[in-house]
């Protein structure tokens, strides 16, 4: 950026020392340091803002919001047309499934595989007892006692 060497900086410091004087030189150096720090922070914040603005601009250019809205609207219309059951279903053709309990008096032309099984009557179920006898518990042998 600036082509300043060591000799140029040394020459500026000597002239500043002669003009300002040795008593006020530390105070001036502190003020110059604070000023350069503020300038650096300001320049860095401007750079960050410029980079952020450029990034936002690139993002807006890469994403076309209007095109995205059109695609979402098309998908919404397709879903609505796909979920419209009134046009496709004919309710007169639908029949309720029978589970073998209805119309038992009428003869059925269906095979046994198309009918649901009948439920067993709970009055006919009899409890069975366990036919195996229980054996007494095994005795453990212990060592004989010595007297």
Protein backbone atom coordinates (compact mmCIF):
# COMPACT_ATOMS: atom_id res chain seq x y z
CA UNK A 1 0.00 0.00 0.00
CA UNK A 2 2.44 2.66 1.18
CA UNK A 3 6.08 2.11 0.41
CA UNK A 4 7.52 3.40 3.69
CA UNK A 5 10.77 1.97 4.95
CA UNK A 6 12.52 2.04 8.28
CA UNK A 7 14.58 5.14 7.46
CA UNK A 8 11.48 7.17 6.54
CA UNK A 9 9.73 6.24 9.81
CA UNK A 10 12.88 7.06 11.79
CA UNK A 11 13.17 10.47 10.07
CA UNK A 12 9.51 11.32 10.83
CA UNK A 13 9.99 10.39 14.51
CA UNK A 14 13.08 12.61 14.83
CA UNK A 15 11.27 15.59 13.24
CA UNK A 16 8.23 15.01 15.51
CA UNK A 17 10.48 14.91 18.56
CA UNK A 18 12.10 18.21 17.57
CA UNK A 19 8.78 19.94 16.77
CA UNK A 20 6.63 18.60 19.61
CA UNK A 21 9.26 18.26 22.29
CA UNK A 22 10.16 15.40 24.60
CA UNK A 23 7.57 16.35 27.27
CA UNK A 24 4.50 16.11 25.02
CA UNK A 25 5.76 13.26 22.77
CA UNK A 26 4.24 10.33 24.83
CA UNK A 27 0.84 12.06 24.95
CA UNK A 28 0.84 12.67 21.19
CA UNK A 29 1.94 9.08 20.52
CA UNK A 30 -1.02 7.76 22.60
CA UNK A 31 -3.49 9.96 20.70
CA UNK A 32 -2.06 8.87 17.37
CA UNK A 33 -2.33 5.19 18.46
CA UNK A 34 -5.99 5.64 19.51
CA UNK A 35 -6.77 7.42 16.25
CA UNK A 36 -5.20 4.65 14.14
CA UNK A 37 -7.13 2.00 16.15
CA UNK A 38 -10.43 3.78 15.51
CA UNK A 39 -9.63 4.14 11.83
CA UNK A 40 -8.79 0.41 11.53
CA UNK A 41 -12.02 -0.63 13.29
CA UNK A 42 -14.06 1.67 11.04
CA UNK A 43 -12.39 0.32 7.88
CA UNK A 44 -12.94 -3.29 9.01
CA UNK A 45 -16.63 -2.65 9.75
CA UNK A 46 -17.08 -1.02 6.33
CA UNK A 47 -15.41 -4.04 4.69
CA UNK A 48 -17.68 -6.45 6.57
CA UNK A 49 -20.79 -4.47 5.61
CA UNK A 50 -19.72 -4.41 1.98
CA UNK A 51 -19.07 -8.17 2.01
CA UNK A 52 -22.44 -8.82 3.63
CA UNK A 53 -24.24 -6.64 1.09
CA UNK A 54 -22.46 -8.46 -1.75
CA UNK A 55 -23.37 -11.85 -0.27
CA UNK A 56 -27.03 -10.85 0.09
CA UNK A 57 -27.08 -9.55 -3.47
CA UNK A 58 -25.61 -12.83 -4.78
CA UNK A 59 -28.12 -14.82 -2.75
CA UNK A 60 -31.07 -12.82 -4.05
CA UNK A 61 -29.85 -13.25 -7.60
CA UNK A 62 -29.36 -17.00 -7.19
CA UNK A 63 -32.79 -17.59 -5.63
CA UNK A 64 -35.70 -16.48 -7.75
CA UNK A 65 -38.51 -16.07 -5.23
CA UNK A 66 -41.20 -15.57 -7.86
CA UNK A 67 -40.26 -18.85 -9.55
CA UNK A 68 -40.33 -20.62 -6.18
CA UNK A 69 -43.82 -19.20 -5.44
CA UNK A 70 -45.07 -20.43 -8.83
CA UNK A 71 -43.71 -23.92 -8.19
CA UNK A 72 -45.30 -24.05 -4.73
CA UNK A 73 -48.63 -22.89 -6.20
CA UNK A 74 -48.47 -25.60 -8.88
CA UNK A 75 -47.71 -28.30 -6.30
CA UNK A 76 -50.60 -27.04 -4.16
CA UNK A 77 -52.99 -27.25 -7.11
CA UNK A 78 -51.82 -30.77 -7.94
CA UNK A 79 -52.35 -31.87 -4.34
CA UNK A 80 -55.84 -30.35 -4.25
CA UNK A 81 -56.83 -32.08 -7.48
CA UNK A 82 -55.35 -35.37 -6.26
CA UNK A 83 -57.26 -35.21 -2.99
CA UNK A 84 -60.66 -34.54 -4.60
CA UNK A 85 -62.38 -37.92 -3.98
CA UNK A 86 -65.89 -36.91 -5.06
CA UNK A 87 -65.10 -37.20 -8.75
CA UNK A 88 -63.33 -40.56 -8.67
CA UNK A 89 -65.40 -42.49 -6.11
CA UNK A 90 -68.83 -43.85 -6.83
CA UNK A 91 -70.48 -44.39 -3.47
CA UNK A 92 -73.21 -46.64 -4.90
CA UNK A 93 -70.65 -49.25 -5.91
CA UNK A 94 -69.21 -49.54 -2.40
CA UNK A 95 -70.59 -52.27 -0.13
CA UNK A 96 -70.10 -52.88 3.51
CA UNK A 97 -68.08 -55.97 4.34
CA UNK A 98 -69.99 -58.68 6.12
CA UNK A 99 -68.38 -60.68 8.86
CA UNK A 100 -70.58 -63.77 8.69
CA UNK A 101 -73.16 -62.47 11.19
CA UNK A 102 -75.43 -60.73 8.71
CA UNK A 103 -77.79 -62.58 6.37
CA UNK A 104 -77.07 -66.05 7.77
CA UNK A 105 -80.50 -67.28 6.72
CA UNK A 106 -79.83 -66.53 3.06
CA UNK A 107 -77.87 -69.13 1.13
CA UNK A 108 -74.44 -67.97 0.16
CA UNK A 109 -72.87 -68.57 -3.22
CA UNK A 110 -69.45 -67.59 -1.93
CA UNK A 111 -66.72 -70.02 -1.02
CA UNK A 112 -65.63 -70.45 2.56
CA UNK A 113 -62.46 -68.45 1.93
CA UNK A 114 -64.40 -65.27 1.16
CA UNK A 115 -66.32 -65.38 4.44
CA UNK A 116 -65.11 -64.29 7.82
CA UNK A 117 -64.91 -67.01 10.48
CA UNK A 118 -67.66 -67.13 13.08
CA UNK A 119 -66.83 -66.32 16.65
CA UNK A 120 -66.89 -69.22 19.14
CA UNK A 121 -69.64 -69.22 21.73
CA UNK A 122 -68.20 -68.48 25.16
CA UNK A 123 -70.70 -70.80 26.91
CA UNK A 124 -69.23 -73.86 25.23
CA UNK A 125 -65.70 -73.26 26.45
CA UNK A 126 -64.90 -75.57 29.38
CA UNK A 127 -61.90 -75.16 31.59
CA UNK A 128 -59.63 -78.15 31.58
CA UNK A 129 -57.51 -79.17 34.56
CA UNK A 130 -53.90 -80.09 34.35
CA UNK A 131 -53.72 -83.93 34.16
CA UNK A 132 -50.08 -84.21 35.30
CA UNK A 133 -49.69 -84.95 39.02
CA UNK A 134 -47.45 -82.79 41.07
CA UNK A 135 -44.35 -84.48 42.49
CA UNK A 136 -43.12 -83.76 46.02
CA UNK A 137 -39.98 -81.64 46.33
CA UNK A 138 -36.68 -83.47 46.26
CA UNK A 139 -34.93 -83.95 49.55
CA UNK A 140 -31.33 -82.96 49.82
CA UNK A 141 -28.94 -85.25 51.57
CA UNK A 142 -26.56 -83.81 54.04
CA UNK A 143 -23.43 -85.31 55.45
CA UNK A 144 -23.93 -87.61 58.41
CA UNK A 145 -23.46 -86.03 61.77
CA UNK A 146 -20.51 -87.25 63.76
CA UNK A 147 -20.86 -87.50 67.46
